[in-house]
Amino acid sequence: MLDDHDMDAVFQALGHESRRRMLDIVKECPGIGVGLLAKEFDVSRIAVMKHLGVLESAGLLISEKDGRTRRLYFNAVPIQLIHERWTTEYSAYWSGNLTRIKYLAEIRARNDDKDKKKGTK
């Protein structure tokens, strides 16, 4: 279980849009190098490294040295521990189902919008 200090670090790390985007990229491209990740942002490499330090301190990133490259991996454990703190098996089941309905409705709405733009509806 995360103590309050560890949990604060996770929330602080997730509180910045650039760090959330970094996690999205690392999740989609496990093992991405720091240099390649830094190219995705319009800030200095030093600024990217500071953000990565915050994510790593919160336990959300794992970095591994591979020659001259630092490879990055997403660690979902801190987020899962937070999830488990405030959910029960019952609430997780129903919130999961409601989330799926939400995603399906959003996909349907996007498809309807595309059809309207094409003039097929």
PDB file of N, CA and C in Angstrom:
ATOM      1  N   MET A   1       0.842  -1.190   0.000  1.00  0.00           N
ATOM      2  CA  MET A   1       0.000   0.000   0.000  1.00  0.00           C
ATOM      3  C   MET A   1       0.884   1.250   0.000  1.00  0.00           C
ATOM      4  N   LEU A   2       0.454   2.235  -0.756  1.00  0.00           N
ATOM      5  CA  LEU A   2       1.186   3.500  -0.793  1.00  0.00           C
ATOM      6  C   LEU A   2       0.891   4.304   0.463  1.00  0.00           C
ATOM      7  N   ASP A   3       1.932   4.911   1.031  1.00  0.00           N
ATOM      8  CA  ASP A   3       1.656   5.832   2.129  1.00  0.00           C
ATOM      9  C   ASP A   3       1.261   7.180   1.529  1.00  0.00           C
ATOM     10  N   ASP A   4       0.833   8.114   2.367  1.00  0.00           N
ATOM     11  CA  ASP A   4       0.338   9.400   1.870  1.00  0.00           C
ATOM     12  C   ASP A   4       1.410  10.165   1.089  1.00  0.00           C
ATOM     13  N   HIS A   5       2.652  10.089   1.524  1.00  0.00           N
ATOM     14  CA  HIS A   5       3.737  10.784   0.825  1.00  0.00           C
ATOM     15  C   HIS A   5       3.902  10.229  -0.591  1.00  0.00           C
ATOM     16  N   ASP A   6       3.901   8.902  -0.720  1.00  0.00           N
ATOM     17  CA  ASP A   6       4.036   8.275  -2.040  1.00  0.00           C
ATOM     18  C   ASP A   6       2.848   8.618  -2.932  1.00  0.00           C
ATOM     19  N   MET A   7       1.661   8.624  -2.337  1.00  0.00           N
ATOM     20  CA  MET A   7       0.454   8.934  -3.095  1.00  0.00           C
ATOM     21  C   MET A   7       0.485  10.394  -3.566  1.00  0.00           C
ATOM     22  N   ASP A   8       0.952  11.290  -2.710  1.00  0.00           N
ATOM     23  CA  ASP A   8       1.085  12.699  -3.100  1.00  0.00           C
ATOM     24  C   ASP A   8       2.019  12.828  -4.299  1.00  0.00           C
ATOM     25  N   ALA A   9       3.101  12.065  -4.311  1.00  0.00           N
ATOM     26  CA  ALA A   9       4.058  12.121  -5.418  1.00  0.00           C
ATOM     27  C   ALA A   9       3.414  11.657  -6.726  1.00  0.00           C
ATOM     28  N   VAL A  10       2.581  10.634  -6.649  1.00  0.00           N
ATOM     29  CA  VAL A  10       1.891  10.139  -7.852  1.00  0.00           C
ATOM     30  C   VAL A  10       0.929  11.199  -8.371  1.00  0.00           C
ATOM     31  N   PHE A  11       0.118  11.768  -7.473  1.00  0.00           N
ATOM     32  CA  PHE A  11      -0.836  12.795  -7.913  1.00  0.00           C
ATOM     33  C   PHE A  11      -0.111  14.028  -8.460  1.00  0.00           C
ATOM     34  N   GLN A  12       0.989  14.418  -7.831  1.00  0.00           N
ATOM     35  CA  GLN A  12       1.760  15.558  -8.323  1.00  0.00           C
ATOM     36  C   GLN A  12       2.304  15.254  -9.721  1.00  0.00           C
ATOM     37  N   ALA A  13       2.828  14.058  -9.906  1.00  0.00           N
ATOM     38  CA  ALA A  13       3.384  13.681 -11.208  1.00  0.00           C
ATOM     39  C   ALA A  13       2.304  13.679 -12.290  1.00  0.00           C
ATOM     40  N   LEU A  14       1.126  13.197 -11.950  1.00  0.00           N
ATOM     41  CA  LEU A  14       0.037  13.136 -12.926  1.00  0.00           C
ATOM     42  C   LEU A  14      -0.645  14.484 -13.130  1.00  0.00           C
ATOM     43  N   GLY A  15      -0.323  15.445 -12.285  1.00  0.00           N
ATOM     44  CA  GLY A  15      -0.967  16.752 -12.340  1.00  0.00           C
ATOM     45  C   GLY A  15      -0.475  17.653 -13.463  1.00  0.00           C
ATOM     46  N   HIS A  16       0.524  17.229 -14.203  1.00  0.00           N
ATOM     47  CA  HIS A  16       1.066  18.066 -15.280  1.00  0.00           C
ATOM     48  C   HIS A  16       0.777  17.414 -16.629  1.00  0.00           C
ATOM     49  N   GLU A  17       0.219  18.200 -17.537  1.00  0.00           N
ATOM     50  CA  GLU A  17      -0.184  17.690 -18.853  1.00  0.00           C
ATOM     51  C   GLU A  17       0.974  17.039 -19.619  1.00  0.00           C
ATOM     52  N   SER A  18       2.147  17.642 -19.586  1.00  0.00           N
ATOM     53  CA  SER A  18       3.292  17.080 -20.315  1.00  0.00           C
ATOM     54  C   SER A  18       3.698  15.730 -19.748  1.00  0.00           C
ATOM     55  N   ARG A  19       3.652  15.596 -18.434  1.00  0.00           N
ATOM     56  CA  ARG A  19       4.019  14.306 -17.832  1.00  0.00           C
ATOM     57  C   ARG A  19       2.998  13.231 -18.179  1.00  0.00           C
ATOM     58  N   ARG A  20       1.717  13.597 -18.209  1.00  0.00           N
ATOM     59  CA  ARG A  20       0.704  12.611 -18.610  1.00  0.00           C
ATOM     60  C   ARG A  20       0.940  12.183 -20.055  1.00  0.00           C
ATOM     61  N   ARG A  21       1.280  13.138 -20.918  1.00  0.00           N
ATOM     62  CA  ARG A  21       1.559  12.808 -22.317  1.00  0.00           C
ATOM     63  C   ARG A  21       2.795  11.920 -22.422  1.00  0.00           C
ATOM     64  N   MET A  22       3.809  12.191 -21.607  1.00  0.00           N
ATOM     65  CA  MET A  22       5.005  11.347 -21.598  1.00  0.00           C
ATOM     66  C   MET A  22       4.650   9.918 -21.227  1.00  0.00           C
ATOM     67  N   LEU A  23       3.808   9.770 -20.208  1.00  0.00           N
ATOM     68  CA  LEU A  23       3.388   8.424 -19.809  1.00  0.00           C
ATOM     69  C   LEU A  23       2.610   7.739 -20.925  1.00  0.00           C
ATOM     70  N   ASP A  24       1.758   8.495 -21.620  1.00  0.00           N
ATOM     71  CA  ASP A  24       1.008   7.915 -22.745  1.00  0.00           C
ATOM     72  C   ASP A  24       1.967   7.384 -23.807  1.00  0.00           C
ATOM     73  N   ILE A  25       2.985   8.165 -24.128  1.00  0.00           N
ATOM     74  CA  ILE A  25       3.951   7.759 -25.152  1.00  0.00           C
ATOM     75  C   ILE A  25       4.734   6.535 -24.698  1.00  0.00           C
ATOM     76  N   VAL A  26       5.204   6.554 -23.455  1.00  0.00           N
ATOM     77  CA  VAL A  26       5.988   5.424 -22.938  1.00  0.00           C
ATOM     78  C   VAL A  26       5.124   4.165 -22.867  1.00  0.00           C
ATOM     79  N   LYS A  27       3.865   4.320 -22.501  1.00  0.00           N
ATOM     80  CA  LYS A  27       2.956   3.168 -22.451  1.00  0.00           C
ATOM     81  C   LYS A  27       2.768   2.571 -23.843  1.00  0.00           C
ATOM     82  N   GLU A  28       2.642   3.436 -24.849  1.00  0.00           N
ATOM     83  CA  GLU A  28       2.444   2.976 -26.220  1.00  0.00           C
ATOM     84  C   GLU A  28       3.725   2.436 -26.845  1.00  0.00           C
ATOM     85  N   CYS A  29       4.879   2.903 -26.389  1.00  0.00           N
ATOM     86  CA  CYS A  29       6.179   2.506 -26.959  1.00  0.00           C
ATOM     87  C   CYS A  29       7.122   2.071 -25.847  1.00  0.00           C
ATOM     88  N   PRO A  30       6.856   0.930 -25.215  1.00  0.00           N
ATOM     89  CA  PRO A  30       7.727   0.483 -24.123  1.00  0.00           C
ATOM     90  C   PRO A  30       9.185   0.384 -24.587  1.00  0.00           C
ATOM     91  N   GLY A  31      10.086   0.902 -23.771  1.00  0.00           N
ATOM     92  CA  GLY A  31      11.504   0.855 -24.091  1.00  0.00           C
ATOM     93  C   GLY A  31      11.975   2.025 -24.933  1.00  0.00           C
ATOM     94  N   ILE A  32      11.117   3.013 -25.140  1.00  0.00           N
ATOM     95  CA  ILE A  32      11.511   4.186 -25.921  1.00  0.00           C
ATOM     96  C   ILE A  32      12.692   4.874 -25.250  1.00  0.00           C
ATOM     97  N   GLY A  33      13.600   5.366 -26.051  1.00  0.00           N
ATOM     98  CA  GLY A  33      14.753   6.082 -25.519  1.00  0.00           C
ATOM     99  C   GLY A  33      14.377   7.505 -25.141  1.00  0.00           C
ATOM    100  N   VAL A  34      15.113   8.054 -24.194  1.00  0.00           N
ATOM    101  CA  VAL A  34      14.846   9.420 -23.729  1.00  0.00           C
ATOM    102  C   VAL A  34      14.955  10.413 -24.884  1.00  0.00           C
ATOM    103  N   GLY A  35      15.958  10.261 -25.733  1.00  0.00           N
ATOM    104  CA  GLY A  35      16.150  11.174 -26.847  1.00  0.00           C
ATOM    105  C   GLY A  35      14.964  11.191 -27.792  1.00  0.00           C
ATOM    106  N   LEU A  36      14.449  10.028 -28.112  1.00  0.00           N
ATOM    107  CA  LEU A  36      13.292   9.928 -29.005  1.00  0.00           C
ATOM    108  C   LEU A  36      12.055  10.525 -28.347  1.00  0.00           C
ATOM    109  N   LEU A  37      11.886  10.276 -27.070  1.00  0.00           N
ATOM    110  CA  LEU A  37      10.756  10.855 -26.337  1.00  0.00           C
ATOM    111  C   LEU A  37      10.865  12.379 -26.314  1.00  0.00           C
ATOM    112  N   ALA A  38      12.057  12.892 -26.075  1.00  0.00           N
ATOM    113  CA  ALA A  38      12.260  14.342 -25.979  1.00  0.00           C
ATOM    114  C   ALA A  38      11.896  15.050 -27.278  1.00  0.00           C
ATOM    115  N   LYS A  39      12.054  14.374 -28.412  1.00  0.00           N
ATOM    116  CA  LYS A  39      11.720  14.974 -29.707  1.00  0.00           C
ATOM    117  C   LYS A  39      10.227  15.255 -29.856  1.00  0.00           C
ATOM    118  N   GLU A  40       9.410  14.628 -29.029  1.00  0.00           N
ATOM    119  CA  GLU A  40       7.953  14.808 -29.079  1.00  0.00           C
ATOM    120  C   GLU A  40       7.499  16.096 -28.398  1.00  0.00           C
ATOM    121  N   PHE A  41       8.421  16.800 -27.743  1.00  0.00           N
ATOM    122  CA  PHE A  41       8.066  17.974 -26.951  1.00  0.00           C
ATOM    123  C   PHE A  41       8.834  19.199 -27.412  1.00  0.00           C
ATOM    124  N   ASP A  42       8.169  20.341 -27.339  1.00  0.00           N
ATOM    125  CA  ASP A  42       8.778  21.612 -27.741  1.00  0.00           C
ATOM    126  C   ASP A  42       9.439  22.314 -26.560  1.00  0.00           C
ATOM    127  N   VAL A  43      10.144  21.555 -25.759  1.00  0.00           N
ATOM    128  CA  VAL A  43      10.901  22.117 -24.635  1.00  0.00           C
ATOM    129  C   VAL A  43      12.304  21.519 -24.690  1.00  0.00           C
ATOM    130  N   SER A  44      13.189  22.057 -23.903  1.00  0.00           N
ATOM    131  CA  SER A  44      14.571  21.565 -23.903  1.00  0.00           C
ATOM    132  C   SER A  44      14.631  20.140 -23.356  1.00  0.00           C
ATOM    133  N   ARG A  45      15.702  19.467 -23.713  1.00  0.00           N
ATOM    134  CA  ARG A  45      15.914  18.108 -23.200  1.00  0.00           C
ATOM    135  C   ARG A  45      16.035  18.131 -21.671  1.00  0.00           C
ATOM    136  N   ILE A  46      16.613  19.209 -21.139  1.00  0.00           N
ATOM    137  CA  ILE A  46      16.744  19.349 -19.681  1.00  0.00           C
ATOM    138  C   ILE A  46      15.360  19.393 -19.034  1.00  0.00           C
ATOM    139  N   ALA A  47      14.418  20.126 -19.642  1.00  0.00           N
ATOM    140  CA  ALA A  47      13.057  20.193 -19.107  1.00  0.00           C
ATOM    141  C   ALA A  47      12.400  18.818 -19.151  1.00  0.00           C
ATOM    142  N   VAL A  48      12.614  18.088 -20.248  1.00  0.00           N
ATOM    143  CA  VAL A  48      12.066  16.728 -20.358  1.00  0.00           C
ATOM    144  C   VAL A  48      12.663  15.851 -19.262  1.00  0.00           C
ATOM    145  N   MET A  49      13.967  15.964 -19.038  1.00  0.00           N
ATOM    146  CA  MET A  49      14.630  15.154 -18.012  1.00  0.00           C
ATOM    147  C   MET A  49      14.070  15.456 -16.617  1.00  0.00           C
ATOM    148  N   LYS A  50      13.754  16.729 -16.350  1.00  0.00           N
ATOM    149  CA  LYS A  50      13.160  17.080 -15.056  1.00  0.00           C
ATOM    150  C   LYS A  50      11.793  16.424 -14.898  1.00  0.00           C
ATOM    151  N   HIS A  51      10.983  16.458 -15.956  1.00  0.00           N
ATOM    152  CA  HIS A  51       9.674  15.798 -15.906  1.00  0.00           C
ATOM    153  C   HIS A  51       9.839  14.291 -15.700  1.00  0.00           C
ATOM    154  N   LEU A  52      10.792  13.704 -16.399  1.00  0.00           N
ATOM    155  CA  LEU A  52      11.030  12.262 -16.248  1.00  0.00           C
ATOM    156  C   LEU A  52      11.477  11.935 -14.825  1.00  0.00           C
ATOM    157  N   GLY A  53      12.251  12.819 -14.216  1.00  0.00           N
ATOM    158  CA  GLY A  53      12.677  12.622 -12.826  1.00  0.00           C
ATOM    159  C   GLY A  53      11.493  12.598 -11.874  1.00  0.00           C
ATOM    160  N   VAL A  54      10.531  13.486 -12.103  1.00  0.00           N
ATOM    161  CA  VAL A  54       9.328  13.519 -11.267  1.00  0.00           C
ATOM    162  C   VAL A  54       8.547  12.218 -11.435  1.00  0.00           C
ATOM    163  N   LEU A  55       8.394  11.770 -12.680  1.00  0.00           N
ATOM    164  CA  LEU A  55       7.665  10.521 -12.943  1.00  0.00           C
ATOM    165  C   LEU A  55       8.383   9.314 -12.336  1.00  0.00           C
ATOM    166  N   GLU A  56       9.697   9.312 -12.427  1.00  0.00           N
ATOM    167  CA  GLU A  56      10.470   8.206 -11.869  1.00  0.00           C
ATOM    168  C   GLU A  56      10.420   8.211 -10.347  1.00  0.00           C
ATOM    169  N   SER A  57      10.497   9.390  -9.737  1.00  0.00           N
ATOM    170  CA  SER A  57      10.418   9.494  -8.274  1.00  0.00           C
ATOM    171  C   SER A  57       9.069   9.009  -7.752  1.00  0.00           C
ATOM    172  N   ALA A  58       8.034   9.208  -8.554  1.00  0.00           N
ATOM    173  CA  ALA A  58       6.692   8.757  -8.163  1.00  0.00           C
ATOM    174  C   ALA A  58       6.494   7.265  -8.435  1.00  0.00           C
ATOM    175  N   GLY A  59       7.482   6.637  -9.061  1.00  0.00           N
ATOM    176  CA  GLY A  59       7.387   5.209  -9.348  1.00  0.00           C
ATOM    177  C   GLY A  59       6.597   4.887 -10.613  1.00  0.00           C
ATOM    178  N   LEU A  60       6.255   5.909 -11.394  1.00  0.00           N
ATOM    179  CA  LEU A  60       5.453   5.691 -12.599  1.00  0.00           C
ATOM    180  C   LEU A  60       6.294   5.316 -13.816  1.00  0.00           C
ATOM    181  N   LEU A  61       7.577   5.565 -13.745  1.00  0.00           N
ATOM    182  CA  LEU A  61       8.494   5.215 -14.825  1.00  0.00           C
ATOM    183  C   LEU A  61       9.625   4.374 -14.280  1.00  0.00           C
ATOM    184  N   ILE A  62      10.036   3.447 -15.085  1.00  0.00           N
ATOM    185  CA  ILE A  62      11.233   2.662 -14.797  1.00  0.00           C
ATOM    186  C   ILE A  62      12.191   2.942 -15.934  1.00  0.00           C
ATOM    187  N   SER A  63      13.421   3.299 -15.610  1.00  0.00           N
ATOM    188  CA  SER A  63      14.408   3.540 -16.661  1.00  0.00           C
ATOM    189  C   SER A  63      15.501   2.486 -16.553  1.00  0.00           C
ATOM    190  N   GLU A  64      16.010   2.133 -17.710  1.00  0.00           N
ATOM    191  CA  GLU A  64      17.019   1.092 -17.793  1.00  0.00           C
ATOM    192  C   GLU A  64      18.112   1.565 -18.741  1.00  0.00           C
ATOM    193  N   LYS A  65      19.336   1.482 -18.315  1.00  0.00           N
ATOM    194  CA  LYS A  65      20.458   1.904 -19.150  1.00  0.00           C
ATOM    195  C   LYS A  65      20.730   0.812 -20.180  1.00  0.00           C
ATOM    196  N   ASP A  66      20.849   1.231 -21.451  1.00  0.00           N
ATOM    197  CA  ASP A  66      21.151   0.317 -22.548  1.00  0.00           C
ATOM    198  C   ASP A  66      22.223   0.982 -23.403  1.00  0.00           C
ATOM    199  N   GLY A  67      23.488   0.747 -23.040  1.00  0.00           N
ATOM    200  CA  GLY A  67      24.584   1.454 -23.702  1.00  0.00           C
ATOM    201  C   GLY A  67      24.511   2.928 -23.334  1.00  0.00           C
ATOM    202  N   ARG A  68      24.407   3.770 -24.362  1.00  0.00           N
ATOM    203  CA  ARG A  68      24.302   5.215 -24.121  1.00  0.00           C
ATOM    204  C   ARG A  68      22.856   5.672 -24.027  1.00  0.00           C
ATOM    205  N   THR A  69      21.934   4.767 -24.188  1.00  0.00           N
ATOM    206  CA  THR A  69      20.508   5.109 -24.207  1.00  0.00           C
ATOM    207  C   THR A  69      19.836   4.715 -22.903  1.00  0.00           C
ATOM    208  N   ARG A  70      18.972   5.590 -22.420  1.00  0.00           N
ATOM    209  CA  ARG A  70      18.115   5.253 -21.278  1.00  0.00           C
ATOM    210  C   ARG A  70      16.767   4.836 -21.830  1.00  0.00           C
ATOM    211  N   ARG A  71      16.365   3.613 -21.593  1.00  0.00           N
ATOM    212  CA  ARG A  71      15.081   3.082 -22.053  1.00  0.00           C
ATOM    213  C   ARG A  71      14.047   3.286 -20.942  1.00  0.00           C
ATOM    214  N   LEU A  72      12.844   3.654 -21.340  1.00  0.00           N
ATOM    215  CA  LEU A  72      11.792   3.986 -20.382  1.00  0.00           C
ATOM    216  C   LEU A  72      10.627   3.005 -20.487  1.00  0.00           C
ATOM    217  N   TYR A  73      10.084   2.656 -19.318  1.00  0.00           N
ATOM    218  CA  TYR A  73       8.948   1.736 -19.235  1.00  0.00           C
ATOM    219  C   TYR A  73       7.932   2.291 -18.246  1.00  0.00           C
ATOM    220  N   PHE A  74       6.675   2.149 -18.579  1.00  0.00           N
ATOM    221  CA  PHE A  74       5.580   2.598 -17.715  1.00  0.00           C
ATOM    222  C   PHE A  74       5.359   1.574 -16.617  1.00  0.00           C
ATOM    223  N   ASN A  75       5.175   2.054 -15.388  1.00  0.00           N
ATOM    224  CA  ASN A  75       4.879   1.200 -14.241  1.00  0.00           C
ATOM    225  C   ASN A  75       3.510   1.595 -13.704  1.00  0.00           C
ATOM    226  N   ALA A  76       2.510   0.753 -13.923  1.00  0.00           N
ATOM    227  CA  ALA A  76       1.132   1.056 -13.527  1.00  0.00           C
ATOM    228  C   ALA A  76       0.845   0.739 -12.059  1.00  0.00           C
ATOM    229  N   VAL A  77       1.782   0.140 -11.357  1.00  0.00           N
ATOM    230  CA  VAL A  77       1.535  -0.299  -9.975  1.00  0.00           C
ATOM    231  C   VAL A  77       1.072   0.838  -9.058  1.00  0.00           C
ATOM    232  N   PRO A  78       1.716   2.002  -9.045  1.00  0.00           N
ATOM    233  CA  PRO A  78       1.237   3.061  -8.139  1.00  0.00           C
ATOM    234  C   PRO A  78      -0.214   3.480  -8.429  1.00  0.00           C
ATOM    235  N   ILE A  79      -0.579   3.529  -9.698  1.00  0.00           N
ATOM    236  CA  ILE A  79      -1.957   3.888 -10.056  1.00  0.00           C
ATOM    237  C   ILE A  79      -2.918   2.790  -9.613  1.00  0.00           C
ATOM    238  N   GLN A  80      -2.523   1.551  -9.783  1.00  0.00           N
ATOM    239  CA  GLN A  80      -3.362   0.429  -9.350  1.00  0.00           C
ATOM    240  C   GLN A  80      -3.555   0.447  -7.834  1.00  0.00           C
ATOM    241  N   LEU A  81      -2.511   0.768  -7.088  1.00  0.00           N
ATOM    242  CA  LEU A  81      -2.626   0.831  -5.627  1.00  0.00           C
ATOM    243  C   LEU A  81      -3.603   1.927  -5.196  1.00  0.00           C
ATOM    244  N   ILE A  82      -3.576   3.059  -5.896  1.00  0.00           N
ATOM    245  CA  ILE A  82      -4.521   4.135  -5.597  1.00  0.00           C
ATOM    246  C   ILE A  82      -5.935   3.669  -5.925  1.00  0.00           C
ATOM    247  N   HIS A  83      -6.088   3.028  -7.074  1.00  0.00           N
ATOM    248  CA  HIS A  83      -7.395   2.495  -7.480  1.00  0.00           C
ATOM    249  C   HIS A  83      -7.941   1.532  -6.414  1.00  0.00           C
ATOM    250  N   GLU A  84      -7.106   0.639  -5.952  1.00  0.00           N
ATOM    251  CA  GLU A  84      -7.539  -0.353  -4.967  1.00  0.00           C
ATOM    252  C   GLU A  84      -7.892   0.275  -3.620  1.00  0.00           C
ATOM    253  N   ARG A  85      -7.278   1.401  -3.304  1.00  0.00           N
ATOM    254  CA  ARG A  85      -7.571   2.055  -2.026  1.00  0.00           C
ATOM    255  C   ARG A  85      -9.027   2.515  -1.960  1.00  0.00           C
ATOM    256  N   TRP A  86      -9.554   3.011  -3.091  1.00  0.00           N
ATOM    257  CA  TRP A  86     -10.883   3.614  -3.062  1.00  0.00           C
ATOM    258  C   TRP A  86     -11.967   2.833  -3.800  1.00  0.00           C
ATOM    259  N   THR A  87     -11.634   1.644  -4.245  1.00  0.00           N
ATOM    260  CA  THR A  87     -12.671   0.852  -4.899  1.00  0.00           C
ATOM    261  C   THR A  87     -12.807  -0.500  -4.218  1.00  0.00           C
ATOM    262  N   THR A  88     -13.990  -1.043  -4.363  1.00  0.00           N
ATOM    263  CA  THR A  88     -14.239  -2.403  -3.910  1.00  0.00           C
ATOM    264  C   THR A  88     -14.420  -3.257  -5.160  1.00  0.00           C
ATOM    265  N   GLU A  89     -14.477  -4.552  -4.986  1.00  0.00           N
ATOM    266  CA  GLU A  89     -14.696  -5.438  -6.135  1.00  0.00           C
ATOM    267  C   GLU A  89     -16.007  -5.071  -6.833  1.00  0.00           C
ATOM    268  N   TYR A  90     -17.021  -4.783  -6.057  1.00  0.00           N
ATOM    269  CA  TYR A  90     -18.333  -4.434  -6.594  1.00  0.00           C
ATOM    270  C   TYR A  90     -18.287  -3.117  -7.362  1.00  0.00           C
ATOM    271  N   SER A  91     -17.713  -2.077  -6.764  1.00  0.00           N
ATOM    272  CA  SER A  91     -17.672  -0.777  -7.448  1.00  0.00           C
ATOM    273  C   SER A  91     -16.758  -0.817  -8.669  1.00  0.00           C
ATOM    274  N   ALA A  92     -15.692  -1.584  -8.614  1.00  0.00           N
ATOM    275  CA  ALA A  92     -14.795  -1.699  -9.767  1.00  0.00           C
ATOM    276  C   ALA A  92     -15.519  -2.372 -10.930  1.00  0.00           C
ATOM    277  N   TYR A  93     -16.316  -3.399 -10.625  1.00  0.00           N
ATOM    278  CA  TYR A  93     -17.073  -4.096 -11.671  1.00  0.00           C
ATOM    279  C   TYR A  93     -18.028  -3.136 -12.369  1.00  0.00           C
ATOM    280  N   TRP A  94     -18.821  -2.411 -11.600  1.00  0.00           N
ATOM    281  CA  TRP A  94     -19.827  -1.530 -12.206  1.00  0.00           C
ATOM    282  C   TRP A  94     -19.202  -0.306 -12.855  1.00  0.00           C
ATOM    283  N   SER A  95     -18.169   0.253 -12.261  1.00  0.00           N
ATOM    284  CA  SER A  95     -17.529   1.409 -12.899  1.00  0.00           C
ATOM    285  C   SER A  95     -16.848   0.978 -14.195  1.00  0.00           C
ATOM    286  N   GLY A  96     -16.315  -0.238 -14.228  1.00  0.00           N
ATOM    287  CA  GLY A  96     -15.723  -0.764 -15.461  1.00  0.00           C
ATOM    288  C   GLY A  96     -16.759  -0.894 -16.563  1.00  0.00           C
ATOM    289  N   ASN A  97     -17.937  -1.390 -16.204  1.00  0.00           N
ATOM    290  CA  ASN A  97     -19.012  -1.511 -17.198  1.00  0.00           C
ATOM    291  C   ASN A  97     -19.479  -0.146 -17.679  1.00  0.00           C
ATOM    292  N   LEU A  98     -19.625   0.795 -16.765  1.00  0.00           N
ATOM    293  CA  LEU A  98     -20.045   2.141 -17.158  1.00  0.00           C
ATOM    294  C   LEU A  98     -18.998   2.814 -18.033  1.00  0.00           C
ATOM    295  N   THR A  99     -17.730   2.572 -17.755  1.00  0.00           N
ATOM    296  CA  THR A  99     -16.661   3.131 -18.578  1.00  0.00           C
ATOM    297  C   THR A  99     -16.735   2.571 -19.993  1.00  0.00           C
ATOM    298  N   ARG A 100     -16.981   1.266 -20.120  1.00  0.00           N
ATOM    299  CA  ARG A 100     -17.110   0.666 -21.448  1.00  0.00           C
ATOM    300  C   ARG A 100     -18.278   1.275 -22.218  1.00  0.00           C
ATOM    301  N   ILE A 101     -19.403   1.497 -21.545  1.00  0.00           N
ATOM    302  CA  ILE A 101     -20.561   2.129 -22.187  1.00  0.00           C
ATOM    303  C   ILE A 101     -20.195   3.533 -22.657  1.00  0.00           C
ATOM    304  N   LYS A 102     -19.488   4.268 -21.815  1.00  0.00           N
ATOM    305  CA  LYS A 102     -19.058   5.630 -22.175  1.00  0.00           C
ATOM    306  C   LYS A 102     -18.200   5.601 -23.433  1.00  0.00           C
ATOM    307  N   TYR A 103     -17.215   4.712 -23.484  1.00  0.00           N
ATOM    308  CA  TYR A 103     -16.335   4.632 -24.645  1.00  0.00           C
ATOM    309  C   TYR A 103     -17.113   4.245 -25.901  1.00  0.00           C
ATOM    310  N   LEU A 104     -18.029   3.300 -25.782  1.00  0.00           N
ATOM    311  CA  LEU A 104     -18.836   2.891 -26.935  1.00  0.00           C
ATOM    312  C   LEU A 104     -19.705   4.044 -27.436  1.00  0.00           C
ATOM    313  N   ALA A 105     -20.287   4.805 -26.509  1.00  0.00           N
ATOM    314  CA  ALA A 105     -21.115   5.953 -26.898  1.00  0.00           C
ATOM    315  C   ALA A 105     -20.265   7.020 -27.601  1.00  0.00           C
ATOM    316  N   GLU A 106     -19.041   7.238 -27.113  1.00  0.00           N
ATOM    317  CA  GLU A 106     -18.159   8.218 -27.742  1.00  0.00           C
ATOM    318  C   GLU A 106     -17.762   7.776 -29.148  1.00  0.00           C
ATOM    319  N   ILE A 107     -17.478   6.495 -29.315  1.00  0.00           N
ATOM    320  CA  ILE A 107     -17.141   5.967 -30.643  1.00  0.00           C
ATOM    321  C   ILE A 107     -18.320   6.132 -31.580  1.00  0.00           C
ATOM    322  N   ARG A 108     -19.510   5.804 -31.095  1.00  0.00           N
ATOM    323  CA  ARG A 108     -20.723   5.935 -31.906  1.00  0.00           C
ATOM    324  C   ARG A 108     -20.952   7.389 -32.313  1.00  0.00           C
ATOM    325  N   ALA A 109     -20.764   8.311 -31.381  1.00  0.00           N
ATOM    326  CA  ALA A 109     -20.951   9.732 -31.678  1.00  0.00           C
ATOM    327  C   ALA A 109     -19.938  10.206 -32.719  1.00  0.00           C
ATOM    328  N   ARG A 110     -18.689   9.768 -32.603  1.00  0.00           N
ATOM    329  CA  ARG A 110     -17.669  10.144 -33.598  1.00  0.00           C
ATOM    330  C   ARG A 110     -18.032   9.590 -34.970  1.00  0.00           C
ATOM    331  N   ASN A 111     -18.479   8.338 -35.010  1.00  0.00           N
ATOM    332  CA  ASN A 111     -18.867   7.728 -36.280  1.00  0.00           C
ATOM    333  C   ASN A 111     -20.067   8.441 -36.886  1.00  0.00           C
ATOM    334  N   ASP A 112     -21.035   8.822 -36.038  1.00  0.00           N
ATOM    335  CA  ASP A 112     -22.210   9.573 -36.530  1.00  0.00           C
ATOM    336  C   ASP A 112     -21.776  10.910 -37.114  1.00  0.00           C
ATOM    337  N   ASP A 113     -20.835  11.585 -36.428  1.00  0.00           N
ATOM    338  CA  ASP A 113     -20.331  12.875 -36.926  1.00  0.00           C
ATOM    339  C   ASP A 113     -19.635  12.700 -38.285  1.00  0.00           C
ATOM    340  N   LYS A 114     -18.839  11.628 -38.411  1.00  0.00           N
ATOM    341  CA  LYS A 114     -18.166  11.360 -39.683  1.00  0.00           C
ATOM    342  C   LYS A 114     -19.192  11.093 -40.788  1.00  0.00           C
ATOM    343  N   ASP A 115     -20.232  10.323 -40.461  1.00  0.00           N
ATOM    344  CA  ASP A 115     -21.269  10.032 -41.453  1.00  0.00           C
ATOM    345  C   ASP A 115     -21.990  11.291 -41.881  1.00  0.00           C
ATOM    346  N   LYS A 116     -22.262  12.192 -40.936  1.00  0.00           N
ATOM    347  CA  LYS A 116     -22.938  13.462 -41.261  1.00  0.00           C
ATOM    348  C   LYS A 116     -22.075  14.315 -42.167  1.00  0.00           C
ATOM    349  N   LYS A 117     -20.764  14.340 -41.890  1.00  0.00           N
ATOM    350  CA  LYS A 117     -19.852  15.129 -42.722  1.00  0.00           C
ATOM    351  C   LYS A 117     -19.755  14.572 -44.142  1.00  0.00           C
ATOM    352  N   LYS A 118     -19.870  13.234 -44.248  1.00  0.00           N
ATOM    353  CA  LYS A 118     -19.824  12.596 -45.562  1.00  0.00           C
ATOM    354  C   LYS A 118     -21.164  12.725 -46.282  1.00  0.00           C
ATOM    355  N   GLY A 119     -22.223  13.036 -45.511  1.00  0.00           N
ATOM    356  CA  GLY A 119     -23.557  13.155 -46.102  1.00  0.00           C
ATOM    357  C   GLY A 119     -24.264  11.836 -46.280  1.00  0.00           C
ATOM    358  N   THR A 120     -23.832  10.825 -45.532  1.00  0.00           N
ATOM    359  CA  THR A 120     -24.444   9.503 -45.664  1.00  0.00           C
ATOM    360  C   THR A 120     -25.621   9.315 -44.725  1.00  0.00           C
ATOM    361  N   LYS A 121     -25.866  10.250 -43.837  1.00  0.00           N
ATOM    362  CA  LYS A 121     -27.000  10.130 -42.911  1.00  0.00           C
ATOM    363  C   LYS A 121     -27.940  11.262 -43.101  1.00  0.00           C
TER     364      LYS A 121
END
